Amino acid sequence: MATKKRKHQDVDPHTAMESLREALLESGRIVFPSLSVDIVSPDLKLINLGRVRADVAMDLADALKRGGSGE
């Protein structure tokens, strides 16, 4: 799987957060309830993933192992 390397300064954190949220939802039942943009340090453009239940972490791990194909 080829991915295009992006410079962090070129990525809008709000766009990145929504993109991640959509990808997680598309992969199955993965929801990060605390997913948000870190407003404390805007220059770093950080995304807070927050906390998730253990079963959600396992679902995420399984999706990553499958390549996010949702199979």
PDB file of N, CA and C in Angstrom:
ATOM      1  N   MET A   1       0.846  -1.174   0.000  1.00  0.00           N
ATOM      2  CA  MET A   1       0.000   0.000   0.000  1.00  0.00           C
ATOM      3  C   MET A   1       0.891   1.237   0.000  1.00  0.00           C
ATOM      4  N   ALA A   2       0.848   2.019  -1.045  1.00  0.00           N
ATOM      5  CA  ALA A   2       1.648   3.226  -1.141  1.00  0.00           C
ATOM      6  C   ALA A   2       0.880   4.401  -0.561  1.00  0.00           C
ATOM      7  N   THR A   3       1.563   5.185   0.236  1.00  0.00           N
ATOM      8  CA  THR A   3       0.937   6.371   0.798  1.00  0.00           C
ATOM      9  C   THR A   3       1.782   7.580   0.471  1.00  0.00           C
ATOM     10  N   LYS A   4       1.129   8.701   0.310  1.00  0.00           N
ATOM     11  CA  LYS A   4       1.828   9.934   0.016  1.00  0.00           C
ATOM     12  C   LYS A   4       2.250  10.571   1.335  1.00  0.00           C
ATOM     13  N   LYS A   5       3.516  10.853   1.472  1.00  0.00           N
ATOM     14  CA  LYS A   5       4.041  11.491   2.678  1.00  0.00           C
ATOM     15  C   LYS A   5       3.656  12.973   2.652  1.00  0.00           C
ATOM     16  N   ARG A   6       3.033  13.425   3.745  1.00  0.00           N
ATOM     17  CA  ARG A   6       2.633  14.824   3.841  1.00  0.00           C
ATOM     18  C   ARG A   6       3.480  15.522   4.897  1.00  0.00           C
ATOM     19  N   LYS A   7       3.735  16.781   4.691  1.00  0.00           N
ATOM     20  CA  LYS A   7       4.401  17.579   5.718  1.00  0.00           C
ATOM     21  C   LYS A   7       3.351  17.996   6.724  1.00  0.00           C
ATOM     22  N   HIS A   8       3.686  17.901   8.013  1.00  0.00           N
ATOM     23  CA  HIS A   8       2.692  18.182   9.042  1.00  0.00           C
ATOM     24  C   HIS A   8       2.126  19.587   8.945  1.00  0.00           C
ATOM     25  N   GLN A   9       2.898  20.542   8.470  1.00  0.00           N
ATOM     26  CA  GLN A   9       2.393  21.900   8.384  1.00  0.00           C
ATOM     27  C   GLN A   9       1.361  22.070   7.267  1.00  0.00           C
ATOM     28  N   ASP A  10       1.271  21.112   6.355  1.00  0.00           N
ATOM     29  CA  ASP A  10       0.321  21.188   5.257  1.00  0.00           C
ATOM     30  C   ASP A  10      -1.038  20.595   5.599  1.00  0.00           C
ATOM     31  N   VAL A  11      -1.171  19.958   6.755  1.00  0.00           N
ATOM     32  CA  VAL A  11      -2.392  19.241   7.100  1.00  0.00           C
ATOM     33  C   VAL A  11      -3.198  20.024   8.129  1.00  0.00           C
ATOM     34  N   ASP A  12      -4.455  20.308   7.795  1.00  0.00           N
ATOM     35  CA  ASP A  12      -5.355  20.964   8.729  1.00  0.00           C
ATOM     36  C   ASP A  12      -5.791  19.942   9.781  1.00  0.00           C
ATOM     37  N   PRO A  13      -5.626  20.225  11.072  1.00  0.00           N
ATOM     38  CA  PRO A  13      -5.954  19.234  12.088  1.00  0.00           C
ATOM     39  C   PRO A  13      -7.432  18.871  12.132  1.00  0.00           C
ATOM     40  N   HIS A  14      -8.304  19.811  11.823  1.00  0.00           N
ATOM     41  CA  HIS A  14      -9.738  19.511  11.828  1.00  0.00           C
ATOM     42  C   HIS A  14     -10.091  18.549  10.684  1.00  0.00           C
ATOM     43  N   THR A  15      -9.487  18.768   9.529  1.00  0.00           N
ATOM     44  CA  THR A  15      -9.690  17.874   8.394  1.00  0.00           C
ATOM     45  C   THR A  15      -9.134  16.492   8.709  1.00  0.00           C
ATOM     46  N   ALA A  16      -7.950  16.454   9.332  1.00  0.00           N
ATOM     47  CA  ALA A  16      -7.339  15.172   9.684  1.00  0.00           C
ATOM     48  C   ALA A  16      -8.198  14.409  10.682  1.00  0.00           C
ATOM     49  N   MET A  17      -8.739  15.111  11.674  1.00  0.00           N
ATOM     50  CA  MET A  17      -9.576  14.461  12.685  1.00  0.00           C
ATOM     51  C   MET A  17     -10.827  13.867  12.043  1.00  0.00           C
ATOM     52  N   GLU A  18     -11.483  14.626  11.188  1.00  0.00           N
ATOM     53  CA  GLU A  18     -12.697  14.122  10.542  1.00  0.00           C
ATOM     54  C   GLU A  18     -12.386  12.961   9.602  1.00  0.00           C
ATOM     55  N   SER A  19     -11.259  13.041   8.922  1.00  0.00           N
ATOM     56  CA  SER A  19     -10.853  11.952   8.045  1.00  0.00           C
ATOM     57  C   SER A  19     -10.615  10.680   8.841  1.00  0.00           C
ATOM     58  N   LEU A  20      -9.945  10.814   9.991  1.00  0.00           N
ATOM     59  CA  LEU A  20      -9.711   9.658  10.852  1.00  0.00           C
ATOM     60  C   LEU A  20     -11.025   9.102  11.381  1.00  0.00           C
ATOM     61  N   ARG A  21     -11.926   9.984  11.826  1.00  0.00           N
ATOM     62  CA  ARG A  21     -13.223   9.548  12.342  1.00  0.00           C
ATOM     63  C   ARG A  21     -13.994   8.750  11.272  1.00  0.00           C
ATOM     64  N   GLU A  22     -14.016   9.256  10.047  1.00  0.00           N
ATOM     65  CA  GLU A  22     -14.713   8.570   8.956  1.00  0.00           C
ATOM     66  C   GLU A  22     -14.077   7.215   8.654  1.00  0.00           C
ATOM     67  N   ALA A  23     -12.741   7.177   8.611  1.00  0.00           N
ATOM     68  CA  ALA A  23     -12.049   5.920   8.320  1.00  0.00           C
ATOM     69  C   ALA A  23     -12.318   4.883   9.402  1.00  0.00           C
ATOM     70  N   LEU A  24     -12.315   5.303  10.658  1.00  0.00           N
ATOM     71  CA  LEU A  24     -12.596   4.377  11.754  1.00  0.00           C
ATOM     72  C   LEU A  24     -14.016   3.834  11.656  1.00  0.00           C
ATOM     73  N   LEU A  25     -14.967   4.693  11.361  1.00  0.00           N
ATOM     74  CA  LEU A  25     -16.353   4.252  11.240  1.00  0.00           C
ATOM     75  C   LEU A  25     -16.534   3.300  10.062  1.00  0.00           C
ATOM     76  N   GLU A  26     -15.859   3.596   8.946  1.00  0.00           N
ATOM     77  CA  GLU A  26     -15.961   2.742   7.768  1.00  0.00           C
ATOM     78  C   GLU A  26     -15.357   1.366   7.997  1.00  0.00           C
ATOM     79  N   SER A  27     -14.393   1.279   8.900  1.00  0.00           N
ATOM     80  CA  SER A  27     -13.722   0.005   9.136  1.00  0.00           C
ATOM     81  C   SER A  27     -14.561  -0.941   9.984  1.00  0.00           C
ATOM     82  N   GLY A  28     -15.647  -0.464  10.505  1.00  0.00           N
ATOM     83  CA  GLY A  28     -16.497  -1.310  11.334  1.00  0.00           C
ATOM     84  C   GLY A  28     -17.148  -0.520  12.434  1.00  0.00           C
ATOM     85  N   ARG A  29     -17.014  -1.011  13.653  1.00  0.00           N
ATOM     86  CA  ARG A  29     -17.688  -0.366  14.784  1.00  0.00           C
ATOM     87  C   ARG A  29     -16.716   0.392  15.674  1.00  0.00           C
ATOM     88  N   ILE A  30     -15.684   0.946  15.090  1.00  0.00           N
ATOM     89  CA  ILE A  30     -14.647   1.622  15.872  1.00  0.00           C
ATOM     90  C   ILE A  30     -15.016   3.095  16.043  1.00  0.00           C
ATOM     91  N   VAL A  31     -15.167   3.498  17.302  1.00  0.00           N
ATOM     92  CA  VAL A  31     -15.497   4.880  17.629  1.00  0.00           C
ATOM     93  C   VAL A  31     -14.577   5.344  18.747  1.00  0.00           C
ATOM     94  N   PHE A  32     -13.932   6.458  18.550  1.00  0.00           N
ATOM     95  CA  PHE A  32     -13.150   7.099  19.598  1.00  0.00           C
ATOM     96  C   PHE A  32     -13.990   8.267  20.111  1.00  0.00           C
ATOM     97  N   PRO A  33     -14.710   8.098  21.228  1.00  0.00           N
ATOM     98  CA  PRO A  33     -15.605   9.150  21.694  1.00  0.00           C
ATOM     99  C   PRO A  33     -14.899  10.470  22.000  1.00  0.00           C
ATOM    100  N   SER A  34     -13.629  10.413  22.356  1.00  0.00           N
ATOM    101  CA  SER A  34     -12.900  11.627  22.738  1.00  0.00           C
ATOM    102  C   SER A  34     -12.071  12.218  21.607  1.00  0.00           C
ATOM    103  N   LEU A  35     -12.245  11.733  20.392  1.00  0.00           N
ATOM    104  CA  LEU A  35     -11.468  12.220  19.255  1.00  0.00           C
ATOM    105  C   LEU A  35     -11.718  13.711  19.069  1.00  0.00           C
ATOM    106  N   SER A  36     -10.633  14.500  19.117  1.00  0.00           N
ATOM    107  CA  SER A  36     -10.778  15.950  18.988  1.00  0.00           C
ATOM    108  C   SER A  36      -9.443  16.572  18.594  1.00  0.00           C
ATOM    109  N   VAL A  37      -9.528  17.837  18.203  1.00  0.00           N
ATOM    110  CA  VAL A  37      -8.324  18.603  17.909  1.00  0.00           C
ATOM    111  C   VAL A  37      -7.835  19.220  19.213  1.00  0.00           C
ATOM    112  N   ASP A  38      -6.531  19.143  19.450  1.00  0.00           N
ATOM    113  CA  ASP A  38      -5.923  19.740  20.637  1.00  0.00           C
ATOM    114  C   ASP A  38      -5.802  21.240  20.412  1.00  0.00           C
ATOM    115  N   ILE A  39      -6.621  22.016  21.113  1.00  0.00           N
ATOM    116  CA  ILE A  39      -6.619  23.465  20.909  1.00  0.00           C
ATOM    117  C   ILE A  39      -5.551  24.180  21.739  1.00  0.00           C
ATOM    118  N   VAL A  40      -4.901  23.455  22.642  1.00  0.00           N
ATOM    119  CA  VAL A  40      -3.894  24.068  23.522  1.00  0.00           C
ATOM    120  C   VAL A  40      -2.610  24.406  22.763  1.00  0.00           C
ATOM    121  N   SER A  41      -2.260  23.588  21.795  1.00  0.00           N
ATOM    122  CA  SER A  41      -1.014  23.815  21.050  1.00  0.00           C
ATOM    123  C   SER A  41      -1.278  23.791  19.546  1.00  0.00           C
ATOM    124  N   PRO A  42      -1.926  24.825  19.027  1.00  0.00           N
ATOM    125  CA  PRO A  42      -2.320  24.831  17.612  1.00  0.00           C
ATOM    126  C   PRO A  42      -1.158  24.728  16.632  1.00  0.00           C
ATOM    127  N   ASP A  43       0.008  25.222  16.995  1.00  0.00           N
ATOM    128  CA  ASP A  43       1.154  25.151  16.079  1.00  0.00           C
ATOM    129  C   ASP A  43       1.611  23.716  15.832  1.00  0.00           C
ATOM    130  N   LEU A  44       1.367  22.829  16.802  1.00  0.00           N
ATOM    131  CA  LEU A  44       1.764  21.436  16.645  1.00  0.00           C
ATOM    132  C   LEU A  44       0.740  20.616  15.869  1.00  0.00           C
ATOM    133  N   LYS A  45      -0.490  21.133  15.739  1.00  0.00           N
ATOM    134  CA  LYS A  45      -1.566  20.465  14.997  1.00  0.00           C
ATOM    135  C   LYS A  45      -1.784  19.033  15.504  1.00  0.00           C
ATOM    136  N   LEU A  46      -1.990  18.904  16.812  1.00  0.00           N
ATOM    137  CA  LEU A  46      -2.174  17.592  17.436  1.00  0.00           C
ATOM    138  C   LEU A  46      -3.638  17.169  17.452  1.00  0.00           C
ATOM    139  N   ILE A  47      -3.853  15.863  17.348  1.00  0.00           N
ATOM    140  CA  ILE A  47      -5.177  15.264  17.457  1.00  0.00           C
ATOM    141  C   ILE A  47      -5.203  14.429  18.728  1.00  0.00           C
ATOM    142  N   ASN A  48      -6.201  14.666  19.579  1.00  0.00           N
ATOM    143  CA  ASN A  48      -6.397  13.851  20.780  1.00  0.00           C
ATOM    144  C   ASN A  48      -7.205  12.620  20.400  1.00  0.00           C
ATOM    145  N   LEU A  49      -6.630  11.453  20.595  1.00  0.00           N
ATOM    146  CA  LEU A  49      -7.368  10.223  20.328  1.00  0.00           C
ATOM    147  C   LEU A  49      -8.237   9.847  21.523  1.00  0.00           C
ATOM    148  N   GLY A  50      -7.837  10.259  22.704  1.00  0.00           N
ATOM    149  CA  GLY A  50      -8.627   9.996  23.900  1.00  0.00           C
ATOM    150  C   GLY A  50      -8.562   8.551  24.338  1.00  0.00           C
ATOM    151  N   ARG A  51      -9.501   8.193  25.185  1.00  0.00           N
ATOM    152  CA  ARG A  51      -9.535   6.840  25.733  1.00  0.00           C
ATOM    153  C   ARG A  51     -10.623   6.031  25.032  1.00  0.00           C
ATOM    154  N   VAL A  52     -10.365   4.722  24.914  1.00  0.00           N
ATOM    155  CA  VAL A  52     -11.350   3.806  24.332  1.00  0.00           C
ATOM    156  C   VAL A  52     -11.413   2.553  25.195  1.00  0.00           C
ATOM    157  N   ARG A  53     -12.536   1.847  25.090  1.00  0.00           N
ATOM    158  CA  ARG A  53     -12.680   0.564  25.784  1.00  0.00           C
ATOM    159  C   ARG A  53     -11.721  -0.450  25.171  1.00  0.00           C
ATOM    160  N   ALA A  54     -11.404  -1.483  25.935  1.00  0.00           N
ATOM    161  CA  ALA A  54     -10.485  -2.524  25.476  1.00  0.00           C
ATOM    162  C   ALA A  54     -10.996  -3.203  24.209  1.00  0.00           C
ATOM    163  N   ASP A  55     -12.320  -3.435  24.113  1.00  0.00           N
ATOM    164  CA  ASP A  55     -12.849  -4.097  22.920  1.00  0.00           C
ATOM    165  C   ASP A  55     -12.697  -3.216  21.679  1.00  0.00           C
ATOM    166  N   VAL A  56     -12.784  -1.906  21.848  1.00  0.00           N
ATOM    167  CA  VAL A  56     -12.591  -0.994  20.720  1.00  0.00           C
ATOM    168  C   VAL A  56     -11.125  -1.007  20.291  1.00  0.00           C
ATOM    169  N   ALA A  57     -10.214  -1.052  21.260  1.00  0.00           N
ATOM    170  CA  ALA A  57      -8.788  -1.146  20.935  1.00  0.00           C
ATOM    171  C   ALA A  57      -8.495  -2.421  20.145  1.00  0.00           C
ATOM    172  N   MET A  58      -9.126  -3.527  20.540  1.00  0.00           N
ATOM    173  CA  MET A  58      -8.934  -4.786  19.809  1.00  0.00           C
ATOM    174  C   MET A  58      -9.521  -4.691  18.399  1.00  0.00           C
ATOM    175  N   ASP A  59     -10.683  -4.064  18.253  1.00  0.00           N
ATOM    176  CA  ASP A  59     -11.281  -3.865  16.929  1.00  0.00           C
ATOM    177  C   ASP A  59     -10.349  -3.040  16.043  1.00  0.00           C
ATOM    178  N   LEU A  60      -9.751  -1.998  16.619  1.00  0.00           N
ATOM    179  CA  LEU A  60      -8.819  -1.168  15.865  1.00  0.00           C
ATOM    180  C   LEU A  60      -7.595  -1.978  15.452  1.00  0.00           C
ATOM    181  N   ALA A  61      -7.049  -2.738  16.374  1.00  0.00           N
ATOM    182  CA  ALA A  61      -5.895  -3.579  16.058  1.00  0.00           C
ATOM    183  C   ALA A  61      -6.230  -4.568  14.945  1.00  0.00           C
ATOM    184  N   ASP A  62      -7.406  -5.189  15.028  1.00  0.00           N
ATOM    185  CA  ASP A  62      -7.825  -6.134  13.982  1.00  0.00           C
ATOM    186  C   ASP A  62      -7.967  -5.432  12.633  1.00  0.00           C
ATOM    187  N   ALA A  63      -8.554  -4.237  12.628  1.00  0.00           N
ATOM    188  CA  ALA A  63      -8.726  -3.490  11.379  1.00  0.00           C
ATOM    189  C   ALA A  63      -7.381  -3.120  10.772  1.00  0.00           C
ATOM    190  N   LEU A  64      -6.442  -2.729  11.602  1.00  0.00           N
ATOM    191  CA  LEU A  64      -5.107  -2.389  11.092  1.00  0.00           C
ATOM    192  C   LEU A  64      -4.406  -3.616  10.537  1.00  0.00           C
ATOM    193  N   LYS A  65      -4.576  -4.751  11.188  1.00  0.00           N
ATOM    194  CA  LYS A  65      -3.961  -5.988  10.695  1.00  0.00           C
ATOM    195  C   LYS A  65      -4.560  -6.411   9.360  1.00  0.00           C
ATOM    196  N   ARG A  66      -5.841  -6.121   9.149  1.00  0.00           N
ATOM    197  CA  ARG A  66      -6.511  -6.447   7.882  1.00  0.00           C
ATOM    198  C   ARG A  66      -6.205  -5.398   6.816  1.00  0.00           C
ATOM    199  N   GLY A  67      -5.538  -4.345   7.211  1.00  0.00           N
ATOM    200  CA  GLY A  67      -5.279  -3.258   6.274  1.00  0.00           C
ATOM    201  C   GLY A  67      -6.454  -2.314   6.175  1.00  0.00           C
ATOM    202  N   GLY A  68      -7.331  -2.342   7.171  1.00  0.00           N
ATOM    203  CA  GLY A  68      -8.486  -1.449   7.188  1.00  0.00           C
ATOM    204  C   GLY A  68      -9.521  -1.774   6.146  1.00  0.00           C
ATOM    205  N   SER A  69      -9.516  -3.003   5.634  1.00  0.00           N
ATOM    206  CA  SER A  69     -10.430  -3.355   4.558  1.00  0.00           C
ATOM    207  C   SER A  69     -11.855  -3.581   5.016  1.00  0.00           C
ATOM    208  N   GLY A  70     -12.097  -3.661   6.331  1.00  0.00           N
ATOM    209  CA  GLY A  70     -13.442  -3.867   6.835  1.00  0.00           C
ATOM    210  C   GLY A  70     -13.988  -5.258   6.618  1.00  0.00           C
ATOM    211  N   GLU A  71     -13.136  -6.203   6.253  1.00  0.00           N
ATOM    212  CA  GLU A  71     -13.575  -7.579   5.983  1.00  0.00           C
ATOM    213  C   GLU A  71     -13.903  -8.305   7.250  1.00  0.00           C
TER     214      GLU A  71
END
